[in-house]
Amino acid sequence: AVDNLRPGIEFNNFTLSSFSITPRVAQDFAMIAREKGGEHTKKVVITIDGPKFGIEIHKFSAFPEEEEFILGKRLEIAKVHQGEYFTNITCTIIP
């Protein structure tokens, strides 16, 4: 659950479809998902500090302007910020 997110938690992101290198794209996506799911739907935006891994997939995407990539690495939560519309967690990559 979103309310249980806290620094130090490690997780695999293999179930996540993709990331965007543009923070505004991710935030807009979270807002659209919230609107479709209702105001009680809790969304999470993940920010990765210093990403050095990943494979670009934007040329295969229906939305190439989103500059998506797949990461495929374990992440550790460094910071959690509960915003009004979504939770933003900052993560570091676990090599």
N, C-alpha and C. Protein backbone atom coordinates (compact mmCIF):
# COMPACT_ATOMS: atom_id res chain seq x y z
N ALA A 1 0.84 -1.19 0.00
CA ALA A 1 0.00 0.00 0.00
C ALA A 1 0.88 1.25 0.00
N VAL A 2 0.40 2.29 -0.62
CA VAL A 2 1.15 3.54 -0.74
C VAL A 2 1.52 4.09 0.63
N ASP A 3 0.65 3.94 1.61
CA ASP A 3 0.90 4.50 2.94
C ASP A 3 2.06 3.81 3.65
N ASN A 4 2.48 2.64 3.18
CA ASN A 4 3.57 1.90 3.82
C ASN A 4 4.94 2.18 3.20
N LEU A 5 5.01 3.03 2.18
CA LEU A 5 6.29 3.34 1.55
C LEU A 5 7.15 4.16 2.51
N ARG A 6 8.41 3.75 2.65
CA ARG A 6 9.32 4.48 3.52
C ARG A 6 10.77 4.25 3.07
N PRO A 7 11.67 5.16 3.43
CA PRO A 7 13.07 5.00 3.05
C PRO A 7 13.64 3.67 3.56
N GLY A 8 14.51 3.09 2.74
CA GLY A 8 15.16 1.83 3.10
C GLY A 8 14.51 0.61 2.49
N ILE A 9 13.27 0.72 2.03
CA ILE A 9 12.59 -0.42 1.41
C ILE A 9 13.21 -0.67 0.03
N GLU A 10 13.53 -1.93 -0.24
CA GLU A 10 14.05 -2.33 -1.54
C GLU A 10 12.98 -3.10 -2.29
N PHE A 11 12.95 -2.94 -3.61
CA PHE A 11 11.97 -3.66 -4.41
C PHE A 11 12.47 -3.87 -5.83
N ASN A 12 11.92 -4.88 -6.48
CA ASN A 12 12.17 -5.11 -7.90
C ASN A 12 11.13 -4.34 -8.68
N ASN A 13 11.52 -3.72 -9.75
CA ASN A 13 10.57 -2.98 -10.57
C ASN A 13 10.17 -3.75 -11.81
N PHE A 14 10.35 -5.05 -11.81
CA PHE A 14 10.07 -5.84 -13.00
C PHE A 14 8.60 -5.79 -13.42
N THR A 15 7.68 -5.52 -12.51
CA THR A 15 6.27 -5.46 -12.88
C THR A 15 5.89 -4.09 -13.45
N LEU A 16 6.78 -3.12 -13.35
CA LEU A 16 6.51 -1.80 -13.93
C LEU A 16 6.80 -1.88 -15.42
N SER A 17 5.97 -1.28 -16.23
CA SER A 17 6.16 -1.39 -17.67
C SER A 17 7.31 -0.54 -18.18
N SER A 18 7.41 0.70 -17.73
CA SER A 18 8.48 1.56 -18.24
C SER A 18 8.59 2.82 -17.39
N PHE A 19 9.67 3.55 -17.64
CA PHE A 19 9.92 4.83 -17.00
C PHE A 19 10.08 5.88 -18.10
N SER A 20 9.92 7.13 -17.74
CA SER A 20 10.17 8.24 -18.66
C SER A 20 11.33 9.05 -18.13
N ILE A 21 12.15 9.60 -19.02
CA ILE A 21 13.24 10.45 -18.56
C ILE A 21 12.77 11.88 -18.30
N THR A 22 11.50 12.15 -18.57
CA THR A 22 10.93 13.48 -18.39
C THR A 22 9.96 13.47 -17.21
N PRO A 23 10.34 14.09 -16.08
CA PRO A 23 9.47 14.07 -14.89
C PRO A 23 8.04 14.55 -15.17
N ARG A 24 7.87 15.57 -15.99
CA ARG A 24 6.53 16.10 -16.27
C ARG A 24 5.64 15.04 -16.94
N VAL A 25 6.22 14.21 -17.79
CA VAL A 25 5.46 13.14 -18.44
C VAL A 25 4.94 12.16 -17.39
N ALA A 26 5.80 11.78 -16.46
CA ALA A 26 5.39 10.84 -15.41
C ALA A 26 4.30 11.45 -14.51
N GLN A 27 4.47 12.71 -14.15
CA GLN A 27 3.48 13.37 -13.30
C GLN A 27 2.14 13.50 -14.02
N ASP A 28 2.17 13.86 -15.29
CA ASP A 28 0.93 13.96 -16.07
C ASP A 28 0.24 12.60 -16.17
N PHE A 29 1.03 11.55 -16.38
CA PHE A 29 0.48 10.20 -16.46
C PHE A 29 -0.21 9.83 -15.14
N ALA A 30 0.42 10.16 -14.02
CA ALA A 30 -0.17 9.88 -12.71
C ALA A 30 -1.48 10.64 -12.52
N MET A 31 -1.53 11.88 -12.99
CA MET A 31 -2.76 12.67 -12.86
C MET A 31 -3.88 12.09 -13.72
N ILE A 32 -3.56 11.67 -14.94
CA ILE A 32 -4.58 11.07 -15.82
C ILE A 32 -5.09 9.77 -15.21
N ALA A 33 -4.17 8.95 -14.70
CA ALA A 33 -4.56 7.69 -14.08
C ALA A 33 -5.45 7.93 -12.86
N ARG A 34 -5.16 8.98 -12.10
CA ARG A 34 -5.97 9.32 -10.92
C ARG A 34 -7.37 9.74 -11.36
N GLU A 35 -7.44 10.55 -12.41
CA GLU A 35 -8.75 11.00 -12.91
C GLU A 35 -9.60 9.82 -13.37
N LYS A 36 -8.98 8.86 -14.02
CA LYS A 36 -9.71 7.69 -14.50
C LYS A 36 -10.10 6.76 -13.36
N GLY A 37 -9.26 6.71 -12.33
CA GLY A 37 -9.51 5.79 -11.21
C GLY A 37 -10.32 6.39 -10.08
N GLY A 38 -10.55 7.69 -10.11
CA GLY A 38 -11.28 8.35 -9.05
C GLY A 38 -10.35 9.02 -8.06
N GLU A 39 -10.88 9.95 -7.30
CA GLU A 39 -10.04 10.74 -6.40
C GLU A 39 -9.42 9.94 -5.28
N HIS A 40 -9.96 8.77 -4.97
CA HIS A 40 -9.39 7.96 -3.90
C HIS A 40 -8.31 7.01 -4.40
N THR A 41 -8.05 7.04 -5.70
CA THR A 41 -6.99 6.21 -6.25
C THR A 41 -5.65 6.85 -5.91
N LYS A 42 -4.75 6.06 -5.34
CA LYS A 42 -3.44 6.58 -4.96
C LYS A 42 -2.41 6.15 -5.99
N LYS A 43 -1.71 7.09 -6.57
CA LYS A 43 -0.70 6.83 -7.58
C LYS A 43 0.67 7.20 -7.03
N VAL A 44 1.69 6.56 -7.59
CA VAL A 44 3.07 6.80 -7.17
C VAL A 44 3.90 7.18 -8.38
N VAL A 45 4.69 8.24 -8.25
CA VAL A 45 5.66 8.63 -9.26
C VAL A 45 7.03 8.31 -8.67
N ILE A 46 7.82 7.52 -9.42
CA ILE A 46 9.15 7.12 -8.95
C ILE A 46 10.19 7.97 -9.67
N THR A 47 11.04 8.62 -8.89
CA THR A 47 12.16 9.37 -9.43
C THR A 47 13.42 8.59 -9.08
N ILE A 48 14.29 8.38 -10.07
CA ILE A 48 15.50 7.61 -9.84
C ILE A 48 16.70 8.54 -9.87
N ASP A 49 17.46 8.54 -8.77
CA ASP A 49 18.67 9.35 -8.69
C ASP A 49 19.77 8.72 -9.53
N GLY A 50 20.32 9.48 -10.45
CA GLY A 50 21.47 9.05 -11.24
C GLY A 50 21.28 7.77 -12.03
N PRO A 51 20.23 7.68 -12.85
CA PRO A 51 20.04 6.44 -13.61
C PRO A 51 21.18 6.21 -14.60
N LYS A 52 21.79 5.03 -14.54
CA LYS A 52 22.88 4.69 -15.45
C LYS A 52 22.59 3.39 -16.19
N PHE A 53 21.41 2.84 -15.98
CA PHE A 53 21.02 1.58 -16.60
C PHE A 53 19.74 1.80 -17.37
N GLY A 54 19.40 0.86 -18.21
CA GLY A 54 18.12 0.90 -18.90
C GLY A 54 18.27 0.75 -20.40
N ILE A 55 17.16 0.40 -21.03
CA ILE A 55 17.10 0.23 -22.46
C ILE A 55 16.00 1.13 -22.99
N GLU A 56 16.35 1.98 -23.95
CA GLU A 56 15.36 2.88 -24.54
C GLU A 56 14.33 2.07 -25.34
N ILE A 57 13.05 2.43 -25.16
CA ILE A 57 12.00 1.77 -25.93
C ILE A 57 11.08 2.76 -26.63
N HIS A 58 11.41 4.04 -26.55
CA HIS A 58 10.48 5.04 -27.09
C HIS A 58 10.20 4.86 -28.58
N LYS A 59 11.14 4.32 -29.33
CA LYS A 59 10.86 4.14 -30.76
C LYS A 59 9.87 3.00 -31.02
N PHE A 60 9.60 2.18 -30.00
CA PHE A 60 8.62 1.10 -30.12
C PHE A 60 7.28 1.48 -29.47
N SER A 61 7.22 2.63 -28.85
CA SER A 61 6.06 3.07 -28.09
C SER A 61 5.02 3.76 -28.98
N ALA A 62 3.78 3.68 -28.56
CA ALA A 62 2.72 4.43 -29.22
C ALA A 62 2.87 5.93 -28.92
N PHE A 63 3.66 6.26 -27.90
CA PHE A 63 3.89 7.65 -27.50
C PHE A 63 5.40 7.91 -27.43
N PRO A 64 6.08 7.99 -28.56
CA PRO A 64 7.54 8.15 -28.55
C PRO A 64 8.03 9.42 -27.85
N GLU A 65 7.20 10.43 -27.78
CA GLU A 65 7.60 11.67 -27.11
C GLU A 65 7.77 11.48 -25.60
N GLU A 66 7.31 10.36 -25.06
CA GLU A 66 7.46 10.10 -23.62
C GLU A 66 8.87 9.65 -23.26
N GLU A 67 9.69 9.34 -24.24
CA GLU A 67 11.08 8.94 -24.03
C GLU A 67 11.20 7.85 -22.96
N GLU A 68 10.49 6.76 -23.19
CA GLU A 68 10.44 5.68 -22.21
C GLU A 68 11.64 4.76 -22.28
N PHE A 69 11.92 4.13 -21.14
CA PHE A 69 12.92 3.09 -21.09
C PHE A 69 12.53 2.06 -20.03
N ILE A 70 13.09 0.87 -20.17
CA ILE A 70 12.88 -0.19 -19.19
C ILE A 70 14.16 -0.29 -18.37
N LEU A 71 14.03 -0.35 -17.07
CA LEU A 71 15.18 -0.33 -16.17
C LEU A 71 15.67 -1.73 -15.81
N GLY A 72 14.82 -2.57 -15.22
CA GLY A 72 15.19 -3.94 -14.89
C GLY A 72 16.22 -4.08 -13.79
N LYS A 73 16.21 -3.21 -12.80
CA LYS A 73 17.14 -3.27 -11.66
C LYS A 73 16.35 -3.13 -10.36
N ARG A 74 16.96 -3.63 -9.27
CA ARG A 74 16.36 -3.42 -7.95
C ARG A 74 16.53 -1.95 -7.56
N LEU A 75 15.55 -1.45 -6.82
CA LEU A 75 15.58 -0.06 -6.36
C LEU A 75 15.45 -0.02 -4.85
N GLU A 76 16.01 1.03 -4.25
CA GLU A 76 15.85 1.28 -2.82
C GLU A 76 15.25 2.67 -2.66
N ILE A 77 14.21 2.77 -1.85
CA ILE A 77 13.57 4.07 -1.61
C ILE A 77 14.48 4.92 -0.73
N ALA A 78 14.78 6.13 -1.21
CA ALA A 78 15.60 7.08 -0.45
C ALA A 78 14.74 8.12 0.25
N LYS A 79 13.70 8.61 -0.46
CA LYS A 79 12.81 9.65 0.09
C LYS A 79 11.38 9.38 -0.33
N VAL A 80 10.45 9.80 0.52
CA VAL A 80 9.02 9.68 0.21
C VAL A 80 8.38 11.05 0.44
N HIS A 81 7.67 11.52 -0.57
CA HIS A 81 6.95 12.79 -0.43
C HIS A 81 5.48 12.55 -0.79
N GLN A 82 4.59 12.75 0.18
CA GLN A 82 3.15 12.59 -0.05
C GLN A 82 2.61 13.91 -0.58
N GLY A 83 2.31 13.92 -1.87
CA GLY A 83 1.72 15.11 -2.48
C GLY A 83 0.20 15.05 -2.41
N GLU A 84 -0.42 16.10 -2.89
CA GLU A 84 -1.89 16.16 -2.86
C GLU A 84 -2.52 15.14 -3.81
N TYR A 85 -1.90 14.93 -4.97
CA TYR A 85 -2.50 14.07 -5.98
C TYR A 85 -1.78 12.75 -6.18
N PHE A 86 -0.51 12.68 -5.81
CA PHE A 86 0.22 11.44 -5.92
C PHE A 86 1.40 11.45 -4.95
N THR A 87 1.93 10.27 -4.68
CA THR A 87 3.11 10.13 -3.84
C THR A 87 4.34 10.07 -4.73
N ASN A 88 5.35 10.84 -4.42
CA ASN A 88 6.60 10.82 -5.17
C ASN A 88 7.66 10.14 -4.32
N ILE A 89 8.23 9.06 -4.83
CA ILE A 89 9.32 8.41 -4.11
C ILE A 89 10.59 8.57 -4.95
N THR A 90 11.68 8.91 -4.26
CA THR A 90 12.98 9.01 -4.90
C THR A 90 13.74 7.75 -4.55
N CYS A 91 14.28 7.09 -5.58
CA CYS A 91 14.96 5.81 -5.38
C CYS A 91 16.39 5.86 -5.92
N THR A 92 17.21 4.98 -5.37
CA THR A 92 18.54 4.74 -5.91
C THR A 92 18.55 3.34 -6.48
N ILE A 93 19.40 3.12 -7.49
CA ILE A 93 19.51 1.81 -8.12
C ILE A 93 20.47 0.96 -7.31
N ILE A 94 20.07 -0.28 -7.07
CA ILE A 94 20.93 -1.24 -6.39
C ILE A 94 21.66 -2.02 -7.48
N PRO A 95 22.98 -1.85 -7.59
CA PRO A 95 23.70 -2.53 -8.68
C PRO A 95 23.66 -4.06 -8.57
